[in-house]
């Protein structure tokens, strides 16, 4: 699995701008994901930035079912691991999400900003 590129933002506008820059450089919408600590915020940010959320397709059924019973922190770490991060990296980014960071995850690593 190719490791994704992750950018962290504390401004929705900056994240949206970065997502648009990736698209302008030829990165497919299907390779751009957003993640925030709160599910509703993640969905809303994905809608306004025209990106994706990490869902069943990326997680697989087993992880998605486990996440129904997990704490939000466990769910976030699982999502990050399923998208290609190590357990240690997932823990680090989950802590950043706890502090209000928003993540833009780029699976097409041939392009960088």
N, C-alpha and C. Protein backbone atom coordinates (compact mmCIF):
# COMPACT_ATOMS: atom_id res chain seq x y z
N UNK A 1 0.85 -1.19 0.00
CA UNK A 1 0.00 0.00 0.00
C UNK A 1 0.89 1.24 0.00
N UNK A 2 0.56 2.18 -0.85
CA UNK A 2 1.30 3.43 -0.93
C UNK A 2 0.88 4.32 0.22
N UNK A 3 1.88 4.88 0.88
CA UNK A 3 1.57 5.77 2.00
C UNK A 3 1.02 7.10 1.48
N UNK A 4 -0.04 7.57 2.08
CA UNK A 4 -0.61 8.85 1.64
C UNK A 4 0.21 10.03 2.16
N UNK A 5 -0.01 11.17 1.55
CA UNK A 5 0.54 12.43 2.04
C UNK A 5 -0.55 13.07 2.90
N UNK A 6 -0.16 13.56 4.07
CA UNK A 6 -1.15 14.17 4.96
C UNK A 6 -0.72 15.60 5.27
N UNK A 7 -1.68 16.51 5.13
CA UNK A 7 -1.47 17.91 5.48
C UNK A 7 -2.44 18.24 6.60
N UNK A 8 -1.97 18.97 7.59
CA UNK A 8 -2.88 19.37 8.67
C UNK A 8 -3.13 20.87 8.60
N UNK A 9 -4.37 21.22 8.89
CA UNK A 9 -4.81 22.61 8.82
C UNK A 9 -5.63 22.94 10.06
N UNK A 10 -5.65 24.22 10.40
CA UNK A 10 -6.52 24.69 11.46
C UNK A 10 -7.54 25.69 10.91
N UNK A 11 -7.52 25.85 9.59
CA UNK A 11 -8.46 26.73 8.89
C UNK A 11 -9.13 25.94 7.78
N UNK A 12 -10.45 25.93 7.79
CA UNK A 12 -11.19 25.24 6.72
C UNK A 12 -10.84 25.82 5.36
N UNK A 13 -10.73 27.15 5.31
CA UNK A 13 -10.45 27.81 4.03
C UNK A 13 -9.11 27.37 3.47
N UNK A 14 -8.10 27.23 4.31
CA UNK A 14 -6.78 26.79 3.84
C UNK A 14 -6.85 25.35 3.33
N UNK A 15 -7.59 24.49 4.02
CA UNK A 15 -7.73 23.11 3.58
C UNK A 15 -8.44 23.06 2.23
N UNK A 16 -9.51 23.81 2.09
CA UNK A 16 -10.26 23.84 0.83
C UNK A 16 -9.37 24.34 -0.30
N UNK A 17 -8.59 25.37 -0.04
CA UNK A 17 -7.68 25.91 -1.06
C UNK A 17 -6.65 24.84 -1.46
N UNK A 18 -6.09 24.13 -0.49
CA UNK A 18 -5.11 23.08 -0.80
C UNK A 18 -5.74 21.96 -1.63
N UNK A 19 -6.97 21.57 -1.29
CA UNK A 19 -7.66 20.53 -2.06
C UNK A 19 -7.85 20.98 -3.50
N UNK A 20 -8.23 22.23 -3.70
CA UNK A 20 -8.42 22.75 -5.05
C UNK A 20 -7.09 22.81 -5.80
N UNK A 21 -6.01 23.14 -5.11
CA UNK A 21 -4.70 23.16 -5.75
C UNK A 21 -4.31 21.76 -6.24
N UNK A 22 -4.57 20.75 -5.41
CA UNK A 22 -4.28 19.38 -5.85
C UNK A 22 -5.10 19.01 -7.09
N UNK A 23 -6.37 19.37 -7.08
CA UNK A 23 -7.23 19.06 -8.23
C UNK A 23 -6.73 19.78 -9.48
N UNK A 24 -6.30 21.03 -9.32
CA UNK A 24 -5.79 21.78 -10.46
C UNK A 24 -4.51 21.16 -11.02
N UNK A 25 -3.80 20.41 -10.20
CA UNK A 25 -2.57 19.74 -10.64
C UNK A 25 -2.84 18.33 -11.17
N UNK A 26 -4.11 17.95 -11.20
CA UNK A 26 -4.47 16.68 -11.81
C UNK A 26 -4.77 15.54 -10.86
N UNK A 27 -4.80 15.80 -9.56
CA UNK A 27 -5.15 14.74 -8.61
C UNK A 27 -6.65 14.52 -8.67
N UNK A 28 -7.04 13.27 -8.77
CA UNK A 28 -8.45 12.90 -8.86
C UNK A 28 -9.17 13.16 -7.53
N UNK A 29 -10.43 13.54 -7.64
CA UNK A 29 -11.26 13.70 -6.42
C UNK A 29 -11.22 12.44 -5.57
N UNK A 30 -11.15 11.29 -6.22
CA UNK A 30 -11.21 10.02 -5.49
C UNK A 30 -9.94 9.76 -4.67
N UNK A 31 -8.90 10.58 -4.84
CA UNK A 31 -7.66 10.44 -4.08
C UNK A 31 -7.53 11.47 -2.97
N UNK A 32 -8.56 12.27 -2.74
CA UNK A 32 -8.52 13.32 -1.72
C UNK A 32 -9.54 13.02 -0.63
N UNK A 33 -9.07 13.03 0.61
CA UNK A 33 -9.92 12.74 1.77
C UNK A 33 -9.72 13.80 2.83
N UNK A 34 -10.76 14.04 3.60
CA UNK A 34 -10.63 14.92 4.77
C UNK A 34 -11.05 14.14 6.01
N UNK A 35 -10.48 14.56 7.14
CA UNK A 35 -10.82 13.94 8.41
C UNK A 35 -10.69 14.98 9.51
N UNK A 36 -11.73 15.08 10.32
CA UNK A 36 -11.71 15.93 11.51
C UNK A 36 -12.11 15.05 12.69
N UNK A 37 -12.05 15.60 13.88
CA UNK A 37 -12.40 14.81 15.06
C UNK A 37 -13.88 14.46 15.08
N UNK A 38 -14.71 15.37 14.60
CA UNK A 38 -16.16 15.17 14.67
C UNK A 38 -16.71 14.68 13.32
N UNK A 39 -17.55 13.64 13.37
CA UNK A 39 -18.11 13.06 12.13
C UNK A 39 -18.86 14.08 11.30
N UNK A 40 -19.72 14.87 11.94
CA UNK A 40 -20.52 15.85 11.20
C UNK A 40 -19.63 16.89 10.54
N UNK A 41 -18.59 17.33 11.25
CA UNK A 41 -17.66 18.30 10.68
C UNK A 41 -16.91 17.71 9.49
N UNK A 42 -16.54 16.43 9.59
CA UNK A 42 -15.84 15.78 8.49
C UNK A 42 -16.73 15.74 7.26
N UNK A 43 -17.97 15.34 7.43
CA UNK A 43 -18.91 15.26 6.31
C UNK A 43 -19.13 16.63 5.68
N UNK A 44 -19.34 17.64 6.51
CA UNK A 44 -19.57 18.99 6.01
C UNK A 44 -18.35 19.51 5.25
N UNK A 45 -17.15 19.28 5.81
CA UNK A 45 -15.93 19.73 5.16
C UNK A 45 -15.69 19.00 3.83
N UNK A 46 -16.01 17.71 3.80
CA UNK A 46 -15.89 16.95 2.55
C UNK A 46 -16.83 17.52 1.49
N UNK A 47 -18.02 17.90 1.90
CA UNK A 47 -18.99 18.47 0.96
C UNK A 47 -18.50 19.79 0.38
N UNK A 48 -18.02 20.70 1.24
CA UNK A 48 -17.62 22.02 0.75
C UNK A 48 -16.28 21.99 0.02
N UNK A 49 -15.44 21.02 0.31
CA UNK A 49 -14.13 20.93 -0.36
C UNK A 49 -14.17 19.98 -1.55
N UNK A 50 -15.31 19.34 -1.76
CA UNK A 50 -15.49 18.37 -2.84
C UNK A 50 -14.43 17.27 -2.76
N UNK A 51 -14.30 16.71 -1.55
CA UNK A 51 -13.38 15.61 -1.30
C UNK A 51 -14.17 14.46 -0.70
N UNK A 52 -13.47 13.45 -0.21
CA UNK A 52 -14.11 12.25 0.34
C UNK A 52 -13.88 12.12 1.84
N UNK A 53 -14.68 11.25 2.43
CA UNK A 53 -14.44 10.83 3.81
C UNK A 53 -13.94 9.38 3.74
N UNK A 54 -13.28 8.95 4.79
CA UNK A 54 -12.80 7.57 4.84
C UNK A 54 -13.97 6.71 5.29
N UNK A 55 -14.49 5.91 4.37
CA UNK A 55 -15.69 5.15 4.65
C UNK A 55 -15.50 3.66 4.46
N UNK A 56 -16.60 2.98 4.23
CA UNK A 56 -16.62 1.53 4.10
C UNK A 56 -15.68 1.03 3.01
N UNK A 57 -15.65 1.74 1.89
CA UNK A 57 -14.79 1.33 0.77
C UNK A 57 -13.32 1.28 1.20
N UNK A 58 -12.88 2.26 1.96
CA UNK A 58 -11.48 2.34 2.38
C UNK A 58 -11.20 1.46 3.59
N UNK A 59 -12.15 1.37 4.50
CA UNK A 59 -11.96 0.64 5.74
C UNK A 59 -12.13 -0.87 5.60
N UNK A 60 -13.06 -1.26 4.77
CA UNK A 60 -13.45 -2.66 4.73
C UNK A 60 -14.53 -2.92 5.75
N UNK A 61 -15.30 -3.94 5.53
CA UNK A 61 -16.45 -4.24 6.38
C UNK A 61 -16.05 -4.54 7.81
N UNK A 62 -14.98 -5.30 8.01
CA UNK A 62 -14.56 -5.68 9.36
C UNK A 62 -14.24 -4.48 10.23
N UNK A 63 -13.44 -3.57 9.71
CA UNK A 63 -13.08 -2.37 10.47
C UNK A 63 -14.29 -1.49 10.68
N UNK A 64 -15.13 -1.34 9.66
CA UNK A 64 -16.32 -0.50 9.79
C UNK A 64 -17.24 -1.02 10.90
N UNK A 65 -17.41 -2.35 10.97
CA UNK A 65 -18.25 -2.92 12.02
C UNK A 65 -17.62 -2.73 13.41
N UNK A 66 -16.31 -2.90 13.51
CA UNK A 66 -15.63 -2.67 14.80
C UNK A 66 -15.81 -1.23 15.24
N UNK A 67 -15.74 -0.31 14.28
CA UNK A 67 -15.82 1.11 14.62
C UNK A 67 -17.17 1.51 15.20
N UNK A 68 -18.21 0.74 14.91
CA UNK A 68 -19.53 1.02 15.48
C UNK A 68 -19.47 0.96 17.01
N UNK A 69 -18.61 0.09 17.53
CA UNK A 69 -18.53 -0.12 18.97
C UNK A 69 -17.32 0.56 19.61
N UNK A 70 -16.46 1.17 18.82
CA UNK A 70 -15.25 1.80 19.34
C UNK A 70 -15.50 3.24 19.79
N UNK A 71 -14.58 3.73 20.62
CA UNK A 71 -14.60 5.15 20.96
C UNK A 71 -14.23 5.94 19.72
N UNK A 72 -14.48 7.23 19.72
CA UNK A 72 -14.16 8.05 18.55
C UNK A 72 -12.65 8.03 18.29
N UNK A 73 -11.84 8.05 19.33
CA UNK A 73 -10.39 8.00 19.16
C UNK A 73 -9.95 6.72 18.48
N UNK A 74 -10.49 5.58 18.93
CA UNK A 74 -10.17 4.30 18.30
C UNK A 74 -10.62 4.29 16.84
N UNK A 75 -11.80 4.82 16.59
CA UNK A 75 -12.33 4.87 15.22
C UNK A 75 -11.43 5.70 14.32
N UNK A 76 -10.98 6.86 14.80
CA UNK A 76 -10.10 7.71 14.00
C UNK A 76 -8.78 7.01 13.71
N UNK A 77 -8.20 6.38 14.72
CA UNK A 77 -6.93 5.67 14.52
C UNK A 77 -7.11 4.53 13.51
N UNK A 78 -8.22 3.80 13.61
CA UNK A 78 -8.48 2.72 12.64
C UNK A 78 -8.60 3.26 11.22
N UNK A 79 -9.30 4.37 11.06
CA UNK A 79 -9.46 4.97 9.74
C UNK A 79 -8.09 5.36 9.16
N UNK A 80 -7.26 5.96 9.99
CA UNK A 80 -5.94 6.39 9.54
C UNK A 80 -5.06 5.21 9.17
N UNK A 81 -5.16 4.14 9.94
CA UNK A 81 -4.38 2.94 9.62
C UNK A 81 -4.87 2.31 8.32
N UNK A 82 -6.17 2.28 8.12
CA UNK A 82 -6.73 1.67 6.91
C UNK A 82 -6.36 2.46 5.65
N UNK A 83 -6.11 3.75 5.81
CA UNK A 83 -5.76 4.56 4.64
C UNK A 83 -4.25 4.49 4.36
N UNK A 84 -3.49 3.83 5.25
CA UNK A 84 -2.08 3.59 4.94
C UNK A 84 -1.06 4.06 5.95
N UNK A 85 -1.49 4.55 7.11
CA UNK A 85 -0.53 4.99 8.13
C UNK A 85 -0.17 3.84 9.06
N UNK A 86 0.98 3.97 9.69
CA UNK A 86 1.36 3.00 10.71
C UNK A 86 0.55 3.29 11.97
N UNK A 87 0.58 2.36 12.90
CA UNK A 87 -0.14 2.54 14.16
C UNK A 87 0.38 3.78 14.90
N UNK A 88 1.69 3.96 14.92
CA UNK A 88 2.29 5.12 15.60
C UNK A 88 1.88 6.42 14.93
N UNK A 89 1.90 6.46 13.61
CA UNK A 89 1.49 7.66 12.88
C UNK A 89 0.01 7.95 13.13
N UNK A 90 -0.80 6.92 13.12
CA UNK A 90 -2.24 7.09 13.37
C UNK A 90 -2.48 7.68 14.75
N UNK A 91 -1.74 7.23 15.75
CA UNK A 91 -1.87 7.78 17.11
C UNK A 91 -1.48 9.25 17.14
N UNK A 92 -0.39 9.57 16.45
CA UNK A 92 0.08 10.97 16.41
C UNK A 92 -0.96 11.88 15.76
N UNK A 93 -1.50 11.46 14.62
CA UNK A 93 -2.49 12.29 13.95
C UNK A 93 -3.81 12.34 14.72
N UNK A 94 -4.16 11.28 15.40
CA UNK A 94 -5.39 11.30 16.21
C UNK A 94 -5.26 12.33 17.33
N UNK A 95 -4.07 12.44 17.92
CA UNK A 95 -3.84 13.47 18.96
C UNK A 95 -3.98 14.87 18.35
N UNK A 96 -3.50 15.02 17.11
CA UNK A 96 -3.63 16.33 16.46
C UNK A 96 -5.10 16.65 16.17
N UNK A 97 -5.87 15.64 15.79
CA UNK A 97 -7.30 15.85 15.59
C UNK A 97 -7.97 16.27 16.89
N UNK A 98 -7.51 15.72 18.01
CA UNK A 98 -8.04 16.09 19.32
C UNK A 98 -7.87 17.58 19.60
N UNK A 99 -6.82 18.19 19.04
CA UNK A 99 -6.54 19.61 19.30
C UNK A 99 -7.19 20.53 18.27
N UNK A 100 -8.00 19.96 17.37
CA UNK A 100 -8.72 20.79 16.41
C UNK A 100 -8.15 20.80 15.01
N UNK A 101 -7.11 20.01 14.76
CA UNK A 101 -6.55 19.95 13.41
C UNK A 101 -7.55 19.29 12.46
N UNK A 102 -7.48 19.69 11.20
CA UNK A 102 -8.25 19.06 10.12
C UNK A 102 -7.22 18.49 9.16
N UNK A 103 -7.45 17.27 8.71
CA UNK A 103 -6.48 16.61 7.85
C UNK A 103 -6.97 16.54 6.42
N UNK A 104 -6.07 16.85 5.49
CA UNK A 104 -6.28 16.60 4.07
C UNK A 104 -5.35 15.46 3.71
N UNK A 105 -5.93 14.36 3.28
CA UNK A 105 -5.17 13.14 2.98
C UNK A 105 -5.18 12.95 1.47
N UNK A 106 -3.98 12.79 0.91
CA UNK A 106 -3.82 12.67 -0.54
C UNK A 106 -3.23 11.30 -0.84
N UNK A 107 -4.02 10.46 -1.49
CA UNK A 107 -3.55 9.10 -1.79
C UNK A 107 -2.69 9.06 -3.04
N UNK A 108 -2.82 10.03 -3.94
CA UNK A 108 -1.98 10.10 -5.14
C UNK A 108 -0.69 10.81 -4.74
N UNK A 109 0.33 10.05 -4.41
CA UNK A 109 1.55 10.65 -3.90
C UNK A 109 2.51 11.12 -4.99
N UNK A 110 2.10 11.01 -6.24
CA UNK A 110 2.95 11.51 -7.32
C UNK A 110 2.89 13.03 -7.41
N UNK A 111 1.91 13.60 -6.76
CA UNK A 111 1.76 15.06 -6.77
C UNK A 111 1.92 15.58 -5.35
N UNK A 112 2.66 16.67 -5.20
CA UNK A 112 2.76 17.31 -3.89
C UNK A 112 2.69 18.81 -4.05
N UNK A 113 2.27 19.46 -3.00
CA UNK A 113 2.17 20.93 -3.02
C UNK A 113 3.48 21.53 -2.58
